[in-house]
Amino acid sequence: MKKFFLMLVLFAFAAGSVNAQNVLDGVYVKENNPARRVIPYTYLREADVMWAKRIWRHIDLNEKINAPLRYPKTGDTKDRKNLINVMMDAVKEGSLTAYDPQDDEFTLPMTQEQFSKVGGADSIQIKVTRAEPPYDEYDSTVFRAFNPDDVVQYRLKEEWFFDKQRSELKCRIIGMCPMTLARDQEGNLIEGGQKKLLFWIYYPEARRIFANAEVANRFNSAQRMTFEDVFQKRMFNSYIIKEDNVYNRRVDDYKVNPLDALLESERIKQDMINFEIDLWEY
């Protein structure tokens, strides 16, 4: 009788283990985005580009429409990661190259050691009082782990061009750089909201990674998007900080007032729209 009871308990435990392994968190297996392939860019000849303009812009993560790039927070869900975690994990595993934060021409790739210092952590100098006489203060270096939630903006480098072969104005993202609020040697935020560039990535290299990284669709959970969809379909809000010019200056270099700089950004954007409209006659 005891043997029968023991076998019954073992059978129930084994059945429970099998059921636990077959638990599906949902009603179907999500296999579209993880196995998704990148749609290659259309071949473009130099002779077909009749007009082009280089643009730099900022994506502010505090804006509601850009929330999918910032959330979920780390550990909130097993299916999705925010954009900075996707980028950093890809760089750490070697499937994506990080470039020097001051090199937006992608000529200075960073080593893993450099990336761990710039993109993964930071060291700050603090004043420490000795516990023993003479109780004086001395400088000490403290290792401060990088917090992905500190990323507040992304800088994009884009190329806008008019393809006369297809008669359309197109945009292709060339590079992307996450930005955090700048801190002083003691780890305090610098007044004025200064930003710190972390590293650049070459966007065409990151497309395959972004195409397999899910983003929440606030309107329909059954149609999950990826970061590739967000950027290719321009499902974000941003403002222009620079256009290529003979002086190589940014908008805030000649428009000091923030409101004037924003209006100048809108003017540059509207000029590109008007250029495409003015090509047609009715």
Protein backbone atom coordinates (compact mmCIF):
# COMPACT_ATOMS: atom_id res chain seq x y z
CA MET A 1 0.00 0.00 0.00
CA LYS A 2 2.86 2.32 0.85
CA LYS A 3 4.55 1.53 -2.46
CA PHE A 4 1.32 2.28 -4.33
CA PHE A 5 0.91 5.59 -2.53
CA LEU A 6 4.54 6.53 -3.24
CA MET A 7 4.14 5.73 -6.95
CA LEU A 8 0.98 7.83 -7.06
CA VAL A 9 2.81 10.82 -5.56
CA LEU A 10 5.72 10.47 -8.01
CA PHE A 11 3.31 10.20 -10.95
CA ALA A 12 1.47 13.35 -9.85
CA PHE A 13 4.77 15.21 -9.44
CA ALA A 14 5.96 14.12 -12.88
CA ALA A 15 2.68 15.15 -14.47
CA GLY A 16 2.93 18.55 -12.79
CA SER A 17 6.47 18.99 -14.08
CA VAL A 18 5.39 18.20 -17.65
CA ASN A 19 2.51 20.67 -17.43
CA ALA A 20 4.81 23.35 -16.01
CA GLN A 21 7.17 22.93 -18.94
CA ASN A 22 4.33 23.27 -21.46
CA VAL A 23 2.91 26.49 -20.01
CA LEU A 24 2.29 29.09 -22.72
CA ASP A 25 2.04 32.68 -21.58
CA GLY A 26 -0.58 33.64 -24.17
CA VAL A 27 -2.74 31.97 -26.79
CA TYR A 28 -0.15 31.46 -29.54
CA VAL A 29 3.59 31.06 -30.00
CA LYS A 30 5.29 34.33 -30.96
CA GLU A 31 7.66 33.38 -33.76
CA ASN A 32 7.32 36.16 -36.33
CA ASN A 33 9.63 38.86 -34.94
CA PRO A 34 12.40 36.56 -33.58
CA ALA A 35 12.82 35.01 -37.06
CA ARG A 36 12.24 38.17 -39.04
CA ARG A 37 14.63 39.21 -41.81
CA VAL A 38 15.65 42.74 -42.76
CA ILE A 39 14.28 44.12 -46.01
CA PRO A 40 17.37 45.39 -47.89
CA TYR A 41 17.52 48.97 -49.08
CA THR A 42 16.71 49.64 -52.71
CA TYR A 43 19.85 49.97 -54.79
CA LEU A 44 20.66 53.64 -55.33
CA ARG A 45 22.91 55.07 -58.01
CA GLU A 46 24.77 58.31 -57.51
CA ALA A 47 23.35 59.56 -60.81
CA ASP A 48 19.79 59.14 -59.48
CA VAL A 49 20.34 61.41 -56.47
CA MET A 50 19.54 64.90 -57.73
CA TRP A 51 19.37 66.50 -54.26
CA ALA A 52 20.62 65.50 -50.80
CA LYS A 53 20.94 67.01 -47.33
CA ARG A 54 22.64 65.70 -44.19
CA ILE A 55 20.57 66.12 -41.02
CA TRP A 56 21.27 65.59 -37.31
CA ARG A 57 18.32 65.38 -34.93
CA HIS A 58 17.48 64.56 -31.31
CA ILE A 59 14.84 62.13 -30.04
CA ASP A 60 13.68 63.20 -26.58
CA LEU A 61 12.59 60.19 -24.51
CA ASN A 62 10.49 62.40 -22.22
CA GLU A 63 7.94 62.81 -25.00
CA LYS A 64 5.02 60.41 -24.76
CA ILE A 65 5.19 59.23 -28.37
CA ASN A 66 8.81 58.12 -27.78
CA ALA A 67 7.95 56.03 -24.70
CA PRO A 68 8.36 52.67 -26.55
CA LEU A 69 12.07 53.48 -26.94
CA ARG A 70 12.51 53.93 -23.18
CA TYR A 71 10.26 51.24 -21.76
CA PRO A 72 10.04 48.61 -20.44
CA LYS A 73 12.48 49.11 -17.61
CA THR A 74 15.06 46.40 -17.06
CA GLY A 75 13.43 43.18 -15.86
CA ASP A 76 9.85 44.34 -16.43
CA THR A 77 9.19 41.74 -19.13
CA LYS A 78 11.00 38.79 -20.65
CA ASP A 79 9.74 39.45 -24.20
CA ARG A 80 10.96 43.00 -24.68
CA LYS A 81 13.88 45.27 -23.82
CA ASN A 82 14.22 48.99 -24.25
CA LEU A 83 16.41 50.40 -26.99
CA ILE A 84 19.55 51.12 -24.96
CA ASN A 85 19.60 47.58 -23.53
CA VAL A 86 19.22 46.10 -27.01
CA MET A 87 22.14 48.19 -28.27
CA MET A 88 24.42 47.54 -25.31
CA ASP A 89 23.75 43.79 -25.22
CA ALA A 90 24.55 43.57 -28.94
CA VAL A 91 27.83 45.47 -28.47
CA LYS A 92 28.84 43.31 -25.52
CA GLU A 93 28.24 40.07 -27.42
CA GLY A 94 30.13 41.38 -30.47
CA SER A 95 27.29 41.50 -32.98
CA LEU A 96 27.32 45.32 -33.12
CA THR A 97 30.24 47.75 -33.26
CA ALA A 98 30.39 50.80 -31.00
CA TYR A 99 32.28 53.86 -32.23
CA ASP A 100 33.87 56.72 -30.36
CA PRO A 101 31.22 59.22 -29.13
CA GLN A 102 32.98 62.09 -30.92
CA ASP A 103 33.27 60.14 -34.18
CA ASP A 104 30.04 60.30 -36.15
CA GLU A 105 31.88 59.20 -39.31
CA PHE A 106 32.45 55.69 -37.88
CA THR A 107 36.24 55.58 -38.24
CA LEU A 108 37.21 54.89 -34.58
CA PRO A 109 35.68 51.63 -33.32
CA MET A 110 35.82 51.14 -29.56
CA THR A 111 37.34 48.11 -27.89
CA GLN A 112 35.40 46.14 -25.30
CA GLU A 113 37.56 47.70 -22.59
CA GLN A 114 36.78 51.21 -23.84
CA PHE A 115 33.11 50.38 -24.14
CA SER A 116 32.96 49.08 -20.56
CA LYS A 117 34.26 52.45 -19.36
CA VAL A 118 32.17 54.73 -21.58
CA GLY A 119 29.00 52.76 -22.21
CA GLY A 120 28.92 50.44 -19.23
CA ALA A 121 30.13 52.36 -16.21
CA ASP A 122 31.69 55.55 -14.97
CA SER A 123 34.12 56.50 -12.22
CA ILE A 124 33.66 59.61 -10.09
CA GLN A 125 35.87 61.48 -7.65
CA ILE A 126 34.50 62.13 -4.16
CA LYS A 127 35.85 63.69 -0.98
CA VAL A 128 36.29 61.26 1.93
CA THR A 129 37.14 62.14 5.53
CA ARG A 130 39.63 59.89 7.28
CA ALA A 131 38.26 57.92 10.22
CA GLU A 132 41.48 58.40 12.14
CA PRO A 133 43.56 61.47 13.00
CA PRO A 134 44.29 63.92 11.49
CA TYR A 135 40.70 63.54 10.10
CA ASP A 136 41.59 65.32 6.89
CA GLU A 137 39.85 64.90 3.52
CA TYR A 138 41.26 63.06 0.54
CA ASP A 139 40.08 62.25 -2.98
CA SER A 140 38.73 58.78 -3.63
CA THR A 141 37.63 57.15 -6.89
CA VAL A 142 34.22 55.47 -6.72
CA PHE A 143 32.96 53.10 -9.40
CA ARG A 144 29.41 54.06 -10.42
CA ALA A 145 27.56 51.45 -12.44
CA PHE A 146 25.88 52.69 -15.60
CA ASN A 147 22.11 52.94 -15.31
CA PRO A 148 20.21 52.50 -18.63
CA ASP A 149 17.45 54.71 -17.22
CA ASP A 150 19.88 57.66 -17.37
CA VAL A 151 19.56 57.75 -21.17
CA VAL A 152 17.32 60.72 -21.98
CA GLN A 153 17.94 61.34 -25.69
CA TYR A 154 19.17 59.77 -28.91
CA ARG A 155 21.05 61.61 -31.61
CA LEU A 156 20.37 60.52 -35.18
CA LYS A 157 22.47 61.20 -38.24
CA GLU A 158 20.39 61.00 -41.41
CA GLU A 159 20.68 61.48 -45.15
CA TRP A 160 17.67 62.95 -46.94
CA PHE A 161 17.74 62.66 -50.73
CA PHE A 162 15.49 62.88 -53.76
CA ASP A 163 15.60 59.83 -56.00
CA LYS A 164 14.71 61.01 -59.51
CA GLN A 165 14.45 57.40 -60.75
CA ARG A 166 11.49 56.79 -58.41
CA SER A 167 10.45 60.45 -57.98
CA GLU A 168 10.37 60.39 -54.20
CA LEU A 169 12.02 62.07 -51.24
CA LYS A 170 13.57 59.44 -48.98
CA CYS A 171 15.45 59.32 -45.70
CA ARG A 172 18.00 56.79 -44.51
CA ILE A 173 19.39 56.76 -40.99
CA ILE A 174 23.17 56.51 -40.96
CA GLY A 175 24.03 56.50 -37.28
CA MET A 176 22.56 56.63 -33.79
CA CYS A 177 24.04 57.75 -30.47
CA PRO A 178 22.47 57.47 -26.97
CA MET A 179 22.88 60.45 -24.66
CA THR A 180 22.75 60.84 -20.88
CA LEU A 181 22.72 63.85 -18.60
CA ALA A 182 26.28 65.00 -17.90
CA ARG A 183 27.64 64.66 -14.36
CA ASP A 184 30.60 66.29 -12.63
CA GLN A 185 33.49 64.48 -10.93
CA GLU A 186 31.39 64.02 -7.80
CA GLY A 187 28.53 62.40 -9.69
CA ASN A 188 26.15 65.38 -9.47
CA LEU A 189 24.15 66.53 -12.48
CA ILE A 190 25.67 69.55 -14.19
CA GLU A 191 23.38 72.59 -14.18
CA GLY A 192 21.92 73.56 -17.52
CA GLY A 193 21.00 70.04 -18.58
CA GLN A 194 24.21 69.32 -20.49
CA LYS A 195 24.24 65.97 -22.31
CA LYS A 196 26.96 63.35 -22.67
CA LEU A 197 27.36 61.24 -25.80
CA LEU A 198 27.95 57.55 -25.01
CA PHE A 199 28.82 55.87 -28.31
CA TRP A 200 27.80 55.81 -31.97
CA ILE A 201 26.47 52.81 -33.83
CA TYR A 202 26.26 52.39 -37.59
CA TYR A 203 22.54 51.98 -38.26
CA PRO A 204 22.72 49.68 -41.34
CA GLU A 205 24.73 47.27 -39.19
CA ALA A 206 22.13 47.43 -36.41
CA ARG A 207 19.09 46.87 -38.63
CA ARG A 208 19.19 43.07 -38.30
CA ILE A 209 19.31 43.35 -34.50
CA PHE A 210 16.54 45.94 -34.38
CA ALA A 211 14.35 43.83 -36.68
CA ASN A 212 14.28 41.02 -34.09
CA ALA A 213 13.74 43.23 -31.02
CA GLU A 214 10.08 43.69 -30.14
CA VAL A 215 8.38 46.97 -29.30
CA ALA A 216 4.96 47.26 -27.73
CA ASN A 217 2.12 48.38 -29.99
CA ARG A 218 -0.16 50.54 -27.88
CA PHE A 219 -3.09 50.02 -30.26
CA ASN A 220 -2.96 46.28 -30.97
CA SER A 221 -0.98 43.76 -28.92
CA ALA A 222 -1.42 41.11 -31.61
CA GLN A 223 0.59 43.19 -34.09
CA ARG A 224 3.89 43.57 -32.31
CA MET A 225 6.37 45.92 -33.94
CA THR A 226 10.13 46.01 -33.80
CA PHE A 227 12.62 48.85 -33.48
CA GLU A 228 13.20 48.50 -37.20
CA ASP A 229 9.52 49.35 -37.78
CA VAL A 230 9.70 52.34 -35.45
CA PHE A 231 12.62 53.94 -37.27
CA GLN A 232 11.79 52.96 -40.84
CA LYS A 233 8.18 54.12 -40.50
CA ARG A 234 9.26 57.26 -38.60
CA MET A 235 7.04 56.43 -35.61
CA PHE A 236 8.82 58.87 -33.29
CA ASN A 237 9.04 62.58 -32.68
CA SER A 238 12.27 64.58 -32.90
CA TYR A 239 13.71 67.99 -33.66
CA ILE A 240 16.57 68.99 -35.92
CA ILE A 241 19.75 70.25 -34.25
CA LYS A 242 21.94 70.63 -37.34
CA GLU A 243 21.95 70.58 -41.13
CA ASP A 244 25.09 70.36 -43.22
CA ASN A 245 26.31 73.90 -43.86
CA VAL A 246 29.46 75.73 -44.89
CA TYR A 247 30.12 76.90 -41.31
CA ASN A 248 29.60 73.41 -39.81
CA ARG A 249 27.55 74.96 -37.02
CA ARG A 250 24.55 73.70 -35.10
CA VAL A 251 21.21 75.44 -34.81
CA ASP A 252 21.86 76.54 -31.22
CA ASP A 253 25.12 78.19 -32.34
CA TYR A 254 23.20 80.95 -34.13
CA LYS A 255 19.83 80.63 -32.41
CA VAL A 256 20.66 80.95 -28.72
CA ASN A 257 17.10 81.23 -27.48
CA PRO A 258 15.55 77.72 -27.15
CA LEU A 259 12.29 78.85 -28.74
CA ASP A 260 14.12 80.38 -31.70
CA ALA A 261 16.14 77.17 -32.08
CA LEU A 262 12.94 75.11 -32.15
CA LEU A 263 11.40 77.41 -34.76
CA GLU A 264 14.57 77.15 -36.85
CA SER A 265 14.33 73.36 -36.61
CA GLU A 266 10.78 73.50 -37.93
CA ARG A 267 11.86 75.84 -40.72
CA ILE A 268 14.53 73.40 -41.91
CA LYS A 269 12.01 70.55 -41.86
CA GLN A 270 9.43 72.60 -43.74
CA ASP A 271 11.97 73.62 -46.39
CA MET A 272 12.62 69.94 -47.17
CA ILE A 273 8.88 69.30 -47.47
CA ASN A 274 8.43 72.31 -49.73
CA PHE A 275 11.31 71.16 -51.93
CA GLU A 276 9.48 67.93 -52.74
CA ILE A 277 6.15 69.70 -53.28
CA ASP A 278 7.67 72.32 -55.58
CA LEU A 279 8.97 69.64 -57.92
CA TRP A 280 5.45 68.91 -59.11
CA GLU A 281 3.18 70.96 -61.33
CA TYR A 282 -0.57 70.59 -61.57
